[in-house]
C-alpha atoms as a PDB file:
ATOM      1  CA  MET A   1      14.849  48.827 -63.655  1.00  0.00           C
ATOM      2  CA  THR A   2      17.624  47.901 -61.244  1.00  0.00           C
ATOM      3  CA  GLU A   3      20.522  46.125 -62.932  1.00  0.00           C
ATOM      4  CA  ALA A   4      20.720  42.547 -61.703  1.00  0.00           C
ATOM      5  CA  VAL A   5      24.078  41.142 -60.716  1.00  0.00           C
ATOM      6  CA  THR A   6      25.229  37.682 -59.743  1.00  0.00           C
ATOM      7  CA  PRO A   7      25.753  37.495 -55.967  1.00  0.00           C
ATOM      8  CA  PRO A   8      29.010  36.099 -54.610  1.00  0.00           C
ATOM      9  CA  THR A   9      29.105  32.466 -53.610  1.00  0.00           C
ATOM     10  CA  ALA A  10      28.017  32.118 -49.986  1.00  0.00           C
ATOM     11  CA  PRO A  11      30.245  30.381 -47.453  1.00  0.00           C
ATOM     12  CA  ASP A  12      29.420  26.929 -46.189  1.00  0.00           C
ATOM     13  CA  THR A  13      26.680  27.940 -43.770  1.00  0.00           C
ATOM     14  CA  PRO A  14      24.243  25.025 -43.822  1.00  0.00           C
ATOM     15  CA  LEU A  15      20.662  25.116 -42.710  1.00  0.00           C
ATOM     16  CA  ARG A  16      19.696  22.523 -40.131  1.00  0.00           C
ATOM     17  CA  SER A  17      15.883  22.532 -40.016  1.00  0.00           C
ATOM     18  CA  LEU A  18      13.337  23.334 -42.741  1.00  0.00           C
ATOM     19  CA  LEU A  19       9.760  23.457 -41.454  1.00  0.00           C
ATOM     20  CA  PHE A  20       6.863  22.790 -43.828  1.00  0.00           C
ATOM     21  CA  VAL A  21       3.827  25.085 -43.462  1.00  0.00           C
ATOM     22  CA  PRO A  22       0.632  25.079 -45.599  1.00  0.00           C
ATOM     23  CA  GLY A  23       0.547  28.228 -47.707  1.00  0.00           C
ATOM     24  CA  ASP A  24      -3.181  28.761 -47.202  1.00  0.00           C
ATOM     25  CA  ASP A  25      -3.142  28.803 -43.380  1.00  0.00           C
ATOM     26  CA  GLU A  26      -2.285  32.205 -41.896  1.00  0.00           C
ATOM     27  CA  LYS A  27      -2.414  30.946 -38.294  1.00  0.00           C
ATOM     28  CA  LYS A  28       0.063  28.144 -38.952  1.00  0.00           C
ATOM     29  CA  LEU A  29       2.339  30.547 -40.820  1.00  0.00           C
ATOM     30  CA  ALA A  30       2.311  32.938 -37.875  1.00  0.00           C
ATOM     31  CA  LYS A  31       3.068  30.126 -35.419  1.00  0.00           C
ATOM     32  CA  ALA A  32       5.838  28.684 -37.586  1.00  0.00           C
ATOM     33  CA  SER A  33       7.476  32.102 -37.907  1.00  0.00           C
ATOM     34  CA  LYS A  34       8.029  32.104 -34.133  1.00  0.00           C
ATOM     35  CA  SER A  35       9.744  28.713 -34.175  1.00  0.00           C
ATOM     36  CA  ASP A  36      13.500  28.167 -34.128  1.00  0.00           C
ATOM     37  CA  ALA A  37      13.483  26.678 -37.624  1.00  0.00           C
ATOM     38  CA  ASP A  38      16.316  27.887 -39.818  1.00  0.00           C
ATOM     39  CA  ALA A  39      13.908  27.975 -42.763  1.00  0.00           C
ATOM     40  CA  LEU A  40      10.204  27.722 -43.491  1.00  0.00           C
ATOM     41  CA  ILE A  41       8.998  25.928 -46.593  1.00  0.00           C
ATOM     42  CA  ILE A  42       5.666  27.524 -47.397  1.00  0.00           C
ATOM     43  CA  ASP A  43       3.759  24.884 -49.314  1.00  0.00           C
ATOM     44  CA  LEU A  44       1.635  25.575 -52.380  1.00  0.00           C
ATOM     45  CA  GLU A  45       1.546  21.931 -53.458  1.00  0.00           C
ATOM     46  CA  ASP A  46       0.300  18.828 -51.649  1.00  0.00           C
ATOM     47  CA  SER A  47      -1.014  20.458 -48.460  1.00  0.00           C
ATOM     48  CA  VAL A  48      -3.192  22.897 -50.424  1.00  0.00           C
ATOM     49  CA  SER A  49      -6.385  21.696 -52.082  1.00  0.00           C
ATOM     50  CA  ALA A  50      -7.118  22.608 -55.708  1.00  0.00           C
ATOM     51  CA  SER A  51      -9.816  25.068 -54.671  1.00  0.00           C
ATOM     52  CA  HIS A  52      -7.386  26.933 -52.352  1.00  0.00           C
ATOM     53  CA  LYS A  53      -4.427  27.324 -54.722  1.00  0.00           C
ATOM     54  CA  GLU A  54      -5.125  30.948 -55.611  1.00  0.00           C
ATOM     55  CA  ALA A  55      -5.807  31.930 -52.010  1.00  0.00           C
ATOM     56  CA  ALA A  56      -2.590  30.180 -50.941  1.00  0.00           C
ATOM     57  CA  ARG A  57      -0.582  32.259 -53.438  1.00  0.00           C
ATOM     58  CA  ASP A  58      -2.099  35.460 -52.059  1.00  0.00           C
ATOM     59  CA  ILE A  59      -1.471  34.491 -48.423  1.00  0.00           C
ATOM     60  CA  THR A  60       2.074  33.365 -49.203  1.00  0.00           C
ATOM     61  CA  SER A  61       2.863  36.555 -51.120  1.00  0.00           C
ATOM     62  CA  THR A  62       1.623  38.665 -48.213  1.00  0.00           C
ATOM     63  CA  HIS A  63       3.694  36.641 -45.755  1.00  0.00           C
ATOM     64  CA  LEU A  64       6.816  37.067 -47.880  1.00  0.00           C
ATOM     65  CA  GLN A  65       6.302  40.836 -47.971  1.00  0.00           C
ATOM     66  CA  ARG A  66       5.752  41.205 -44.240  1.00  0.00           C
ATOM     67  CA  ASN A  67       8.208  38.721 -42.777  1.00  0.00           C
ATOM     68  CA  ALA A  68      11.409  38.823 -44.764  1.00  0.00           C
ATOM     69  CA  GLY A  69      14.408  39.912 -42.722  1.00  0.00           C
ATOM     70  CA  PRO A  70      17.483  38.671 -40.871  1.00  0.00           C
ATOM     71  CA  GLU A  71      15.513  37.967 -37.685  1.00  0.00           C
ATOM     72  CA  SER A  72      13.031  35.684 -39.470  1.00  0.00           C
ATOM     73  CA  PRO A  73      13.565  32.137 -40.713  1.00  0.00           C
ATOM     74  CA  ALA A  74      14.610  31.949 -44.349  1.00  0.00           C
ATOM     75  CA  LEU A  75      11.426  31.802 -46.421  1.00  0.00           C
ATOM     76  CA  TRP A  76      11.302  29.126 -49.103  1.00  0.00           C
ATOM     77  CA  VAL A  77       8.254  28.154 -51.162  1.00  0.00           C
ATOM     78  CA  ARG A  78       7.358  24.725 -52.525  1.00  0.00           C
ATOM     79  CA  VAL A  79       5.637  25.359 -55.830  1.00  0.00           C
ATOM     80  CA  ASN A  80       3.543  22.923 -57.829  1.00  0.00           C
ATOM     81  CA  PRO A  81       5.326  20.612 -60.297  1.00  0.00           C
ATOM     82  CA  LEU A  82       6.541  22.081 -63.574  1.00  0.00           C
ATOM     83  CA  SER A  83       4.427  19.487 -65.368  1.00  0.00           C
ATOM     84  CA  THR A  84       1.293  21.355 -64.220  1.00  0.00           C
ATOM     85  CA  SER A  85      -0.087  24.698 -65.338  1.00  0.00           C
ATOM     86  CA  LEU A  86       0.033  25.857 -61.713  1.00  0.00           C
ATOM     87  CA  ALA A  87       3.814  26.181 -61.478  1.00  0.00           C
ATOM     88  CA  LEU A  88       4.213  29.320 -63.599  1.00  0.00           C
ATOM     89  CA  ASN A  89       1.373  31.014 -61.738  1.00  0.00           C
ATOM     90  CA  ASP A  90       3.084  30.156 -58.452  1.00  0.00           C
ATOM     91  CA  LEU A  91       6.419  31.565 -59.607  1.00  0.00           C
ATOM     92  CA  ALA A  92       4.904  34.736 -61.056  1.00  0.00           C
ATOM     93  CA  ALA A  93       3.083  35.408 -57.784  1.00  0.00           C
ATOM     94  CA  ILE A  94       5.965  34.876 -55.350  1.00  0.00           C
ATOM     95  CA  VAL A  95       9.338  35.567 -56.977  1.00  0.00           C
ATOM     96  CA  ARG A  96       8.728  39.332 -56.992  1.00  0.00           C
ATOM     97  CA  TYR A  97       8.863  39.191 -53.177  1.00  0.00           C
ATOM     98  CA  ALA A  98      12.332  37.602 -53.187  1.00  0.00           C
ATOM     99  CA  PRO A  99      11.932  34.307 -51.335  1.00  0.00           C
ATOM    100  CA  ALA A 100      15.166  32.672 -50.237  1.00  0.00           C
ATOM    101  CA  GLY A 101      14.421  29.832 -52.594  1.00  0.00           C
ATOM    102  CA  ILE A 102      12.069  27.474 -54.379  1.00  0.00           C
ATOM    103  CA  MET A 103      11.498  23.829 -53.519  1.00  0.00           C
ATOM    104  CA  LEU A 104      10.700  21.997 -56.742  1.00  0.00           C
ATOM    105  CA  PRO A 105       8.740  18.739 -56.391  1.00  0.00           C
ATOM    106  CA  LYS A 106       8.417  15.744 -58.706  1.00  0.00           C
ATOM    107  CA  ILE A 107      11.321  16.393 -61.018  1.00  0.00           C
ATOM    108  CA  ASP A 108      12.176  13.793 -63.663  1.00  0.00           C
ATOM    109  CA  GLY A 109      15.743  14.879 -64.337  1.00  0.00           C
ATOM    110  CA  PRO A 110      18.231  17.730 -64.830  1.00  0.00           C
ATOM    111  CA  GLU A 111      16.153  19.384 -67.535  1.00  0.00           C
ATOM    112  CA  ASP A 112      13.635  20.408 -64.867  1.00  0.00           C
ATOM    113  CA  LEU A 113      16.368  22.308 -63.025  1.00  0.00           C
ATOM    114  CA  THR A 114      17.323  24.009 -66.294  1.00  0.00           C
ATOM    115  CA  THR A 115      13.713  24.997 -66.941  1.00  0.00           C
ATOM    116  CA  LEU A 116      13.234  26.416 -63.446  1.00  0.00           C
ATOM    117  CA  THR A 117      16.557  28.254 -63.659  1.00  0.00           C
ATOM    118  CA  HIS A 118      15.455  29.951 -66.891  1.00  0.00           C
ATOM    119  CA  HIS A 119      12.119  30.938 -65.354  1.00  0.00           C
ATOM    120  CA  LEU A 120      13.891  32.423 -62.337  1.00  0.00           C
ATOM    121  CA  ASP A 121      16.397  34.260 -64.548  1.00  0.00           C
ATOM    122  CA  ALA A 122      13.520  35.955 -66.377  1.00  0.00           C
ATOM    123  CA  LEU A 123      11.514  36.773 -63.257  1.00  0.00           C
ATOM    124  CA  GLU A 124      14.501  38.174 -61.355  1.00  0.00           C
ATOM    125  CA  ALA A 125      15.291  40.431 -64.321  1.00  0.00           C
ATOM    126  CA  ALA A 126      11.670  41.554 -64.528  1.00  0.00           C
ATOM    127  CA  TYR A 127      11.486  42.414 -60.827  1.00  0.00           C
ATOM    128  CA  GLY A 128      14.957  43.936 -60.477  1.00  0.00           C
ATOM    129  CA  LEU A 129      16.340  41.176 -58.280  1.00  0.00           C
ATOM    130  CA  ALA A 130      19.977  40.135 -58.342  1.00  0.00           C
ATOM    131  CA  ARG A 131      20.457  37.251 -60.726  1.00  0.00           C
ATOM    132  CA  GLY A 132      20.777  33.979 -58.845  1.00  0.00           C
ATOM    133  CA  SER A 133      19.400  35.321 -55.585  1.00  0.00           C
ATOM    134  CA  VAL A 134      16.503  32.829 -55.497  1.00  0.00           C
ATOM    135  CA  LYS A 135      17.902  29.359 -54.793  1.00  0.00           C
ATOM    136  CA  ILE A 136      16.531  25.883 -55.549  1.00  0.00           C
ATOM    137  CA  ILE A 137      16.034  22.659 -53.592  1.00  0.00           C
ATOM    138  CA  PRO A 138      14.677  19.907 -55.867  1.00  0.00           C
ATOM    139  CA  VAL A 139      12.940  16.842 -54.457  1.00  0.00           C
ATOM    140  CA  VAL A 140      14.826  14.254 -56.454  1.00  0.00           C
ATOM    141  CA  THR A 141      13.142  10.886 -55.767  1.00  0.00           C
ATOM    142  CA  GLU A 142       9.402  11.350 -56.139  1.00  0.00           C
ATOM    143  CA  THR A 143       9.185   9.613 -59.522  1.00  0.00           C
ATOM    144  CA  PRO A 144      10.834   6.348 -60.596  1.00  0.00           C
ATOM    145  CA  THR A 145      12.424   8.166 -63.536  1.00  0.00           C
ATOM    146  CA  ALA A 146      14.042  10.681 -61.200  1.00  0.00           C
ATOM    147  CA  VAL A 147      15.554   7.956 -59.027  1.00  0.00           C
ATOM    148  CA  LEU A 148      17.048   6.193 -62.043  1.00  0.00           C
ATOM    149  CA  ARG A 149      18.495   9.484 -63.329  1.00  0.00           C
ATOM    150  CA  LEU A 150      19.982  10.804 -60.089  1.00  0.00           C
ATOM    151  CA  GLY A 151      23.522  10.433 -61.400  1.00  0.00           C
ATOM    152  CA  GLU A 152      22.761  12.913 -64.175  1.00  0.00           C
ATOM    153  CA  LEU A 153      22.076  15.746 -61.754  1.00  0.00           C
ATOM    154  CA  ARG A 154      25.766  16.523 -61.311  1.00  0.00           C
ATOM    155  CA  HIS A 155      25.682  17.730 -64.934  1.00  0.00           C
ATOM    156  CA  ALA A 156      22.658  19.997 -64.368  1.00  0.00           C
ATOM    157  CA  GLU A 157      22.659  23.770 -63.955  1.00  0.00           C
ATOM    158  CA  LEU A 158      23.602  23.870 -60.286  1.00  0.00           C
ATOM    159  CA  ASP A 159      24.520  27.508 -59.621  1.00  0.00           C
ATOM    160  CA  ARG A 160      21.191  28.082 -57.873  1.00  0.00           C
ATOM    161  CA  VAL A 161      20.924  24.687 -56.183  1.00  0.00           C
ATOM    162  CA  TYR A 162      21.327  24.739 -52.403  1.00  0.00           C
ATOM    163  CA  GLY A 163      20.789  21.017 -51.924  1.00  0.00           C
ATOM    164  CA  PHE A 164      18.872  17.872 -52.841  1.00  0.00           C
ATOM    165  CA  THR A 165      16.172  16.303 -50.723  1.00  0.00           C
ATOM    166  CA  TRP A 166      14.242  13.096 -51.160  1.00  0.00           C
ATOM    167  CA  GLY A 167      10.756  11.856 -50.416  1.00  0.00           C
ATOM    168  CA  ALA A 168       9.063   8.484 -50.081  1.00  0.00           C
ATOM    169  CA  GLU A 169       5.330   9.162 -50.171  1.00  0.00           C
ATOM    170  CA  ASP A 170       4.971  10.211 -53.798  1.00  0.00           C
ATOM    171  CA  LEU A 171       7.411   7.505 -54.856  1.00  0.00           C
ATOM    172  CA  SER A 172       5.181   4.965 -53.109  1.00  0.00           C
ATOM    173  CA  ALA A 173       2.204   6.224 -55.082  1.00  0.00           C
ATOM    174  CA  SER A 174       4.168   6.060 -58.340  1.00  0.00           C
ATOM    175  CA  LEU A 175       5.178   2.466 -57.622  1.00  0.00           C
ATOM    176  CA  GLY A 176       1.683   1.438 -56.549  1.00  0.00           C
ATOM    177  CA  ALA A 177       3.157   0.300 -53.241  1.00  0.00           C
ATOM    178  CA  ALA A 178       1.009  -0.521 -50.234  1.00  0.00           C
ATOM    179  CA  THR A 179       3.782   0.656 -47.897  1.00  0.00           C
ATOM    180  CA  ASN A 180       7.274   2.109 -48.030  1.00  0.00           C
ATOM    181  CA  ARG A 181       8.351   0.278 -44.870  1.00  0.00           C
ATOM    182  CA  GLY A 182       9.537  -3.272 -44.275  1.00  0.00           C
ATOM    183  CA  PRO A 183       8.330  -5.599 -41.490  1.00  0.00           C
ATOM    184  CA  ASP A 184      10.920  -4.038 -39.159  1.00  0.00           C
ATOM    185  CA  ARG A 185       9.435  -0.564 -39.872  1.00  0.00           C
ATOM    186  CA  ARG A 186      12.639   0.508 -41.596  1.00  0.00           C
ATOM    187  CA  TRP A 187      12.627   1.806 -45.154  1.00  0.00           C
ATOM    188  CA  ALA A 188      11.932  -0.911 -47.715  1.00  0.00           C
ATOM    189  CA  ASP A 189      14.637  -1.628 -50.275  1.00  0.00           C
ATOM    190  CA  ALA A 190      13.487   0.794 -52.988  1.00  0.00           C
ATOM    191  CA  TYR A 191      13.395   3.696 -50.522  1.00  0.00           C
ATOM    192  CA  ARG A 192      16.777   2.860 -48.979  1.00  0.00           C
ATOM    193  CA  LEU A 193      18.148   2.930 -52.505  1.00  0.00           C
ATOM    194  CA  ALA A 194      16.519   6.312 -53.211  1.00  0.00           C
ATOM    195  CA  ARG A 195      17.797   7.783 -49.937  1.00  0.00           C
ATOM    196  CA  SER A 196      21.359   6.550 -50.431  1.00  0.00           C
ATOM    197  CA  ALA A 197      21.387   7.665 -54.054  1.00  0.00           C
ATOM    198  CA  THR A 198      20.260  11.155 -52.997  1.00  0.00           C
ATOM    199  CA  LEU A 199      23.140  11.392 -50.533  1.00  0.00           C
ATOM    200  CA  LEU A 200      25.622  10.271 -53.181  1.00  0.00           C
ATOM    201  CA  ALA A 201      24.163  12.546 -55.867  1.00  0.00           C
ATOM    202  CA  ALA A 202      24.367  15.559 -53.546  1.00  0.00           C
ATOM    203  CA  ALA A 203      28.011  14.824 -52.754  1.00  0.00           C
ATOM    204  CA  ALA A 204      28.814  14.351 -56.452  1.00  0.00           C
ATOM    205  CA  ALA A 205      27.129  17.661 -57.294  1.00  0.00           C
ATOM    206  CA  GLY A 206      28.736  19.512 -54.394  1.00  0.00           C
ATOM    207  CA  VAL A 207      25.443  20.519 -52.755  1.00  0.00           C
ATOM    208  CA  HIS A 208      23.797  19.786 -49.404  1.00  0.00           C
ATOM    209  CA  ALA A 209      21.904  16.553 -48.710  1.00  0.00           C
ATOM    210  CA  ILE A 210      18.653  17.178 -46.823  1.00  0.00           C
ATOM    211  CA  GLU A 211      16.991  14.305 -44.977  1.00  0.00           C
ATOM    212  CA  THR A 212      13.289  13.703 -45.533  1.00  0.00           C
ATOM    213  CA  LEU A 213      10.550  14.165 -42.951  1.00  0.00           C
ATOM    214  CA  TYR A 214       9.885  11.968 -39.922  1.00  0.00           C
ATOM    215  CA  VAL A 215       6.182  11.176 -39.982  1.00  0.00           C
ATOM    216  CA  ASP A 216       5.578  10.323 -36.302  1.00  0.00           C
ATOM    217  CA  ILE A 217       5.304  13.815 -34.811  1.00  0.00           C
ATOM    218  CA  ALA A 218       4.765  12.419 -31.292  1.00  0.00           C
ATOM    219  CA  ASP A 219       8.006  10.403 -31.301  1.00  0.00           C
ATOM    220  CA  LEU A 220      10.559  13.118 -30.642  1.00  0.00           C
ATOM    221  CA  GLU A 221      13.102  10.691 -29.178  1.00  0.00           C
ATOM    222  CA  GLY A 222      12.950   8.560 -32.313  1.00  0.00           C
ATOM    223  CA  LEU A 223      13.301  11.703 -34.431  1.00  0.00           C
ATOM    224  CA  ALA A 224      16.398  12.754 -32.487  1.00  0.00           C
ATOM    225  CA  ILE A 225      18.070   9.361 -32.882  1.00  0.00           C
ATOM    226  CA  ASP A 226      17.169   9.116 -36.554  1.00  0.00           C
ATOM    227  CA  SER A 227      18.415  12.657 -37.206  1.00  0.00           C
ATOM    228  CA  ARG A 228      21.736  12.063 -35.462  1.00  0.00           C
ATOM    229  CA  ASP A 229      22.175   8.960 -37.603  1.00  0.00           C
ATOM    230  CA  ALA A 230      21.387  10.980 -40.734  1.00  0.00           C
ATOM    231  CA  ARG A 231      23.984  13.611 -39.840  1.00  0.00           C
ATOM    232  CA  ALA A 232      26.570  10.902 -39.177  1.00  0.00           C
ATOM    233  CA  GLU A 233      25.944   9.575 -42.690  1.00  0.00           C
ATOM    234  CA  GLY A 234      26.449  12.980 -44.305  1.00  0.00           C
ATOM    235  CA  PHE A 235      23.075  14.712 -44.372  1.00  0.00           C
ATOM    236  CA  THR A 236      23.345  18.349 -43.265  1.00  0.00           C
ATOM    237  CA  ALA A 237      19.690  19.190 -42.534  1.00  0.00           C
ATOM    238  CA  ARG A 238      16.218  17.729 -42.154  1.00  0.00           C
ATOM    239  CA  ILE A 239      12.668  18.637 -43.074  1.00  0.00           C
ATOM    240  CA  ALA A 240      10.222  19.124 -40.173  1.00  0.00           C
ATOM    241  CA  ILE A 241       6.445  18.861 -40.413  1.00  0.00           C
ATOM    242  CA  HIS A 242       5.581  20.199 -36.941  1.00  0.00           C
ATOM    243  CA  PRO A 243       7.147  22.986 -34.852  1.00  0.00           C
ATOM    244  CA  ALA A 244       7.850  20.490 -32.040  1.00  0.00           C
ATOM    245  CA  GLN A 245      10.260  18.662 -34.350  1.00  0.00           C
ATOM    246  CA  VAL A 246      12.478  21.699 -34.906  1.00  0.00           C
ATOM    247  CA  GLY A 247      14.378  21.544 -31.599  1.00  0.00           C
ATOM    248  CA  PRO A 248      15.464  17.891 -31.888  1.00  0.00           C
ATOM    249  CA  ILE A 249      16.482  18.444 -35.513  1.00  0.00           C
ATOM    250  CA  ASN A 250      18.521  21.557 -34.703  1.00  0.00           C
ATOM    251  CA  ASP A 251      20.241  19.734 -31.851  1.00  0.00           C
ATOM    252  CA  ALA A 252      21.038  16.722 -34.029  1.00  0.00           C
ATOM    253  CA  PHE A 253      22.570  18.812 -36.805  1.00  0.00           C
ATOM    254  CA  THR A 254      24.593  21.083 -34.498  1.00  0.00           C
ATOM    255  CA  PRO A 255      28.089  19.807 -33.617  1.00  0.00           C
ATOM    256  CA  SER A 256      28.528  19.047 -29.925  1.00  0.00           C
ATOM    257  CA  GLU A 257      31.206  20.724 -27.831  1.00  0.00           C
ATOM    258  CA  SER A 258      33.205  17.494 -27.763  1.00  0.00           C
ATOM    259  CA  GLU A 259      33.072  17.280 -31.574  1.00  0.00           C
ATOM    260  CA  LEU A 260      34.212  20.889 -31.879  1.00  0.00           C
ATOM    261  CA  GLU A 261      37.074  20.349 -29.462  1.00  0.00           C
ATOM    262  CA  GLN A 262      38.213  17.223 -31.298  1.00  0.00           C
ATOM    263  CA  ALA A 263      38.021  19.062 -34.648  1.00  0.00           C
ATOM    264  CA  ARG A 264      40.191  21.865 -33.248  1.00  0.00           C
ATOM    265  CA  ARG A 265      42.719  19.326 -31.986  1.00  0.00           C
ATOM    266  CA  VAL A 266      42.884  17.660 -35.409  1.00  0.00           C
ATOM    267  CA  ILE A 267      43.487  20.981 -37.150  1.00  0.00           C
ATOM    268  CA  GLU A 268      46.095  21.951 -34.565  1.00  0.00           C
ATOM    269  CA  ALA A 269      47.863  18.619 -35.041  1.00  0.00           C
ATOM    270  CA  PHE A 270      48.257  19.262 -38.751  1.00  0.00           C
ATOM    271  CA  GLY A 271      49.511  22.783 -38.053  1.00  0.00           C
ATOM    272  CA  THR A 272      50.353  25.139 -40.876  1.00  0.00           C
ATOM    273  CA  GLY A 273      52.958  23.002 -42.609  1.00  0.00           C
ATOM    274  CA  ASP A 274      52.676  20.663 -45.594  1.00  0.00           C
ATOM    275  CA  THR A 275      52.078  17.568 -43.497  1.00  0.00           C
ATOM    276  CA  GLY A 276      50.122  14.731 -45.072  1.00  0.00           C
ATOM    277  CA  VAL A 277      49.858  12.409 -42.069  1.00  0.00           C
ATOM    278  CA  VAL A 278      49.914  13.092 -38.321  1.00  0.00           C
ATOM    279  CA  ALA A 279      49.451  11.020 -35.162  1.00  0.00           C
ATOM    280  CA  LEU A 280      46.840  11.994 -32.563  1.00  0.00           C
ATOM    281  CA  ASP A 281      45.676   9.933 -29.584  1.00  0.00           C
ATOM    282  CA  GLY A 282      47.269   6.815 -31.033  1.00  0.00           C
ATOM    283  CA  ARG A 283      45.582   7.182 -34.425  1.00  0.00           C
ATOM    284  CA  MET A 284      47.072   8.065 -37.798  1.00  0.00           C
ATOM    285  CA  LEU A 285      45.181  10.898 -39.467  1.00  0.00           C
ATOM    286  CA  ASP A 286      45.443  12.090 -43.056  1.00  0.00           C
ATOM    287  CA  ALA A 287      43.822  14.587 -45.412  1.00  0.00           C
ATOM    288  CA  PRO A 288      40.196  13.286 -45.173  1.00  0.00           C
ATOM    289  CA  HIS A 289      40.294  13.705 -41.382  1.00  0.00           C
ATOM    290  CA  LEU A 290      41.497  17.285 -41.781  1.00  0.00           C
ATOM    291  CA  ARG A 291      38.741  18.084 -44.280  1.00  0.00           C
ATOM    292  CA  GLN A 292      36.126  16.626 -41.939  1.00  0.00           C
ATOM    293  CA  ALA A 293      37.441  18.676 -38.999  1.00  0.00           C
ATOM    294  CA  ARG A 294      37.281  21.862 -41.054  1.00  0.00           C
ATOM    295  CA  HIS A 295      33.755  20.970 -42.173  1.00  0.00           C
ATOM    296  CA  ILE A 296      32.608  20.530 -38.558  1.00  0.00           C
ATOM    297  CA  LEU A 297      33.993  23.913 -37.512  1.00  0.00           C
ATOM    298  CA  SER A 298      32.536  25.624 -40.583  1.00  0.00           C
ATOM    299  CA  GLY A 299      29.069  24.339 -39.769  1.00  0.00           C
ATOM    300  CA  ALA A 300      29.392  25.302 -36.108  1.00  0.00           C
ATOM    301  CA  ARG A 301      30.202  28.928 -36.916  1.00  0.00           C
ATOM    302  CA  SER A 302      27.029  29.221 -38.957  1.00  0.00           C
ATOM    303  CA  ALA A 303      24.550  27.143 -36.975  1.00  0.00           C
ATOM    304  CA  GLY A 304      21.237  28.950 -36.811  1.00  0.00           C
ATOM    305  CA  ASN A 305      21.987  31.215 -39.767  1.00  0.00           C
ATOM    306  CA  GLY A 306      18.867  30.759 -41.824  1.00  0.00           C
ATOM    307  CA  ARG A 307      19.764  33.254 -44.546  1.00  0.00           C
ATOM    308  CA  THR A 308      22.074  30.938 -46.391  1.00  0.00           C
ATOM    309  CA  SER A 309      22.583  29.946 -49.964  1.00  0.00           C
ATOM    310  CA  GLY A 310      25.078  28.448 -52.298  1.00  0.00           C
ATOM    311  CA  ARG A 311      26.875  25.208 -52.782  1.00  0.00           C
ATOM    312  CA  ARG A 312      28.979  23.228 -50.332  1.00  0.00           C
END
């Protein structure tokens, strides 16, 4: 058996778009693989009926074998919740083919990340994979308990965690809500709280914050505006549910030329000395502005690199 080793921490090379694809649909998988998505999330959970779970594992395993490589989107898999008997079967079927990572739905708290980490440790050892090579994105708001415990996630086992994402549909079901939107069609209060708490929890844990899906697949202009707003708030990527959404998401999460130029000017203004405050264009800039400029340039160098892992 090949000795497994811990890979080095990856640089800050964030994904921008993560496209959901049903794991039991070979045609949709083939189409999605030709998209410009940085990553595919092959779904074994909600989009697959109970009678198709086994077939979905087989189709997903075959796709992982045939399509892994630097020219393909990063291949992630959303498994079934750990609270079900399906999750271990999912992991046993797919980890041997070295997916980029696992999306874990319906967590209740940090213990679920610990449990999944231990499962992945064992499976990587069994299949001769480098320890820590399979990453994790938990969906951290799908149960009321998870929302109330978001602050605890910074104390979880985070070495494998790429980022946190949130979701509103399952939370709605858990709350018995008729809708997750207010009269103005914006998120209702409970969902604004969950979204904001996810962003804060990701920053506290030092991982990426991934915006949830945009349900209206025909409204690409609305998606673009909403995605630009999400990036301005601190989200680094977004989930897509249709290939047509990938382009607007990639554009929104890619720094513009004017942003890059301004970031370069900020860094140049600080120079190489030990200067805490500088003046630029009539504004006083300090350390947070320098960190933000460096963050913008770091993301720009890696835009489109789907084979990414590690913490921020």
